[in-house]
Protein backbone atom coordinates (compact mmCIF):
# COMPACT_ATOMS: atom_id res chain seq x y z
CA MET A 1 95.43 -3.92 116.28
CA GLU A 2 97.55 -3.01 113.27
CA HIS A 3 97.55 0.45 111.68
CA SER A 4 99.42 0.76 108.40
CA GLY A 5 101.69 -2.19 108.81
CA TRP A 6 102.43 -1.26 112.56
CA SER A 7 101.85 -3.87 115.32
CA ALA A 8 102.43 -3.93 119.03
CA GLN A 9 105.44 -6.30 118.39
CA ASP A 10 107.22 -3.49 116.75
CA GLU A 11 107.59 -1.89 120.12
CA THR A 12 109.11 -5.13 121.92
CA TYR A 13 113.05 -5.18 121.91
CA SER A 14 115.65 -7.22 123.46
CA LEU A 15 118.54 -5.08 124.41
CA PRO A 16 121.70 -5.77 126.40
CA SER A 17 121.43 -4.05 129.78
CA VAL A 18 123.57 -1.11 129.02
CA GLU A 19 121.61 -0.58 125.78
CA ALA A 20 118.34 -0.74 127.63
CA LEU A 21 119.62 1.99 130.26
CA ILE A 22 120.77 4.28 127.33
CA ALA A 23 117.36 3.95 125.44
CA GLY A 24 115.59 4.51 128.89
CA THR A 25 117.74 7.66 129.61
CA LEU A 26 116.83 8.98 125.97
CA ALA A 27 113.37 8.62 126.54
CA LEU A 28 113.37 10.47 129.85
CA MET A 29 115.36 13.14 128.15
CA THR A 30 112.66 13.31 125.28
CA GLY A 31 109.76 13.53 128.13
CA TYR A 32 111.87 16.24 129.82
CA ALA A 33 112.16 18.15 126.78
CA GLN A 34 108.42 17.75 125.85
CA ALA A 35 107.26 18.82 129.29
CA GLU A 36 106.25 22.34 129.96
CA ALA A 37 108.68 24.35 132.22
CA ALA A 38 106.30 24.83 134.91
CA CYS A 39 105.50 21.06 135.13
CA SER A 40 106.28 19.81 138.70
CA ARG A 41 107.53 16.25 137.46
CA ARG A 42 110.43 17.94 135.52
CA VAL A 43 112.48 17.87 138.51
CA LEU A 44 111.95 14.10 138.99
CA LEU A 45 112.74 13.44 135.52
CA ALA A 46 116.06 15.38 135.83
CA ARG A 47 116.83 13.33 139.11
CA LYS A 48 116.19 10.13 137.30
CA LEU A 49 118.40 11.27 134.37
CA ALA A 50 121.12 12.13 136.69
CA VAL A 51 120.98 8.50 138.48
CA ASN A 52 120.86 6.82 134.91
CA LEU A 53 123.92 8.92 133.70
CA GLY A 54 125.70 7.98 136.89
CA SER A 55 124.92 4.21 136.26
CA LEU A 56 126.19 4.53 132.59
CA ALA A 57 129.30 6.46 133.61
CA GLY A 58 130.46 3.69 135.80
CA HIS A 59 129.20 0.89 133.30
CA PRO A 60 132.02 -1.52 132.59
CA GLN A 61 130.71 -2.06 129.11
CA LEU A 62 131.43 1.37 128.07
CA SER A 63 134.89 3.03 127.04
CA ALA A 64 136.60 5.12 129.23
CA PRO A 65 136.09 8.30 127.17
CA MET A 66 132.25 7.49 126.96
CA GLN A 67 132.17 7.14 130.94
CA THR A 68 133.77 10.54 130.91
CA VAL A 69 131.24 12.26 128.63
CA LEU A 70 128.32 10.59 130.61
CA SER A 71 129.89 11.66 133.92
CA ARG A 72 130.03 15.25 132.59
CA LEU A 73 126.37 14.89 131.26
CA GLN A 74 125.53 13.94 134.85
CA GLY A 75 126.89 17.10 136.07
CA HIS A 76 124.74 19.12 133.88
CA TRP A 77 121.73 17.39 135.02
CA LEU A 78 122.64 17.80 138.54
CA ASN A 79 123.15 21.55 137.85
CA GLU A 80 119.65 21.43 136.24
CA ILE A 81 118.19 19.79 139.21
CA ASP A 82 119.67 22.71 141.34
CA ARG A 83 118.22 25.28 138.79
CA ALA A 84 115.05 23.75 138.81
CA GLY A 85 114.42 23.73 142.59
CA GLY A 86 116.60 21.02 144.20
CA PRO A 87 116.09 17.46 145.13
CA GLY A 88 113.56 18.34 147.75
CA SER A 89 111.31 20.42 145.62
CA CYS A 90 108.86 17.58 144.44
CA THR A 91 107.83 14.63 146.53
CA PRO A 92 107.11 11.39 144.46
CA THR A 93 103.36 10.27 144.65
CA PRO A 94 102.09 6.85 145.40
CA LEU A 95 101.93 6.19 141.65
CA TRP A 96 105.66 6.46 141.09
CA HIS A 97 107.15 3.17 141.40
CA GLY A 98 110.51 1.63 142.17
CA ALA A 99 112.92 0.37 139.50
CA ALA A 100 111.79 -2.73 137.96
CA ALA A 101 113.90 -5.72 138.53
CA GLY A 102 113.86 -6.50 134.74
CA LEU A 103 112.95 -5.14 131.49
CA GLN A 104 110.34 -6.83 129.12
C-alpha cells in the first residue's frame, strides 16, 4: 500500500554487517529514549545496547579510535544498567527471541 510516494520497499536495505549493527544499535537507542522511565523493558534495551556496542568495539572494519569511542559508550550503558536495576532486574519473556542468523 502506497502513501504519498512511500512504499514498503523504502524500508528494505542491504547493509554491510557493521553498518547493520550500527543501524540496529541506533534503533535500540531511539527505543530506549522514547520509553517511559518506569518501563520495565528499558533495562533489556540497555543490556542489548551494551552487547551491540561491545561487538562494534571489537569489529575489525572499524578504526582503532572508533573502537575506543564505542568501548567507552559500552561503559556508559553498563553504568546505566547498574543504575536502572542491574542485569537481573528484568527477566526476558517468551516473546523475546534470540538473535537472528541474518538480516533481511
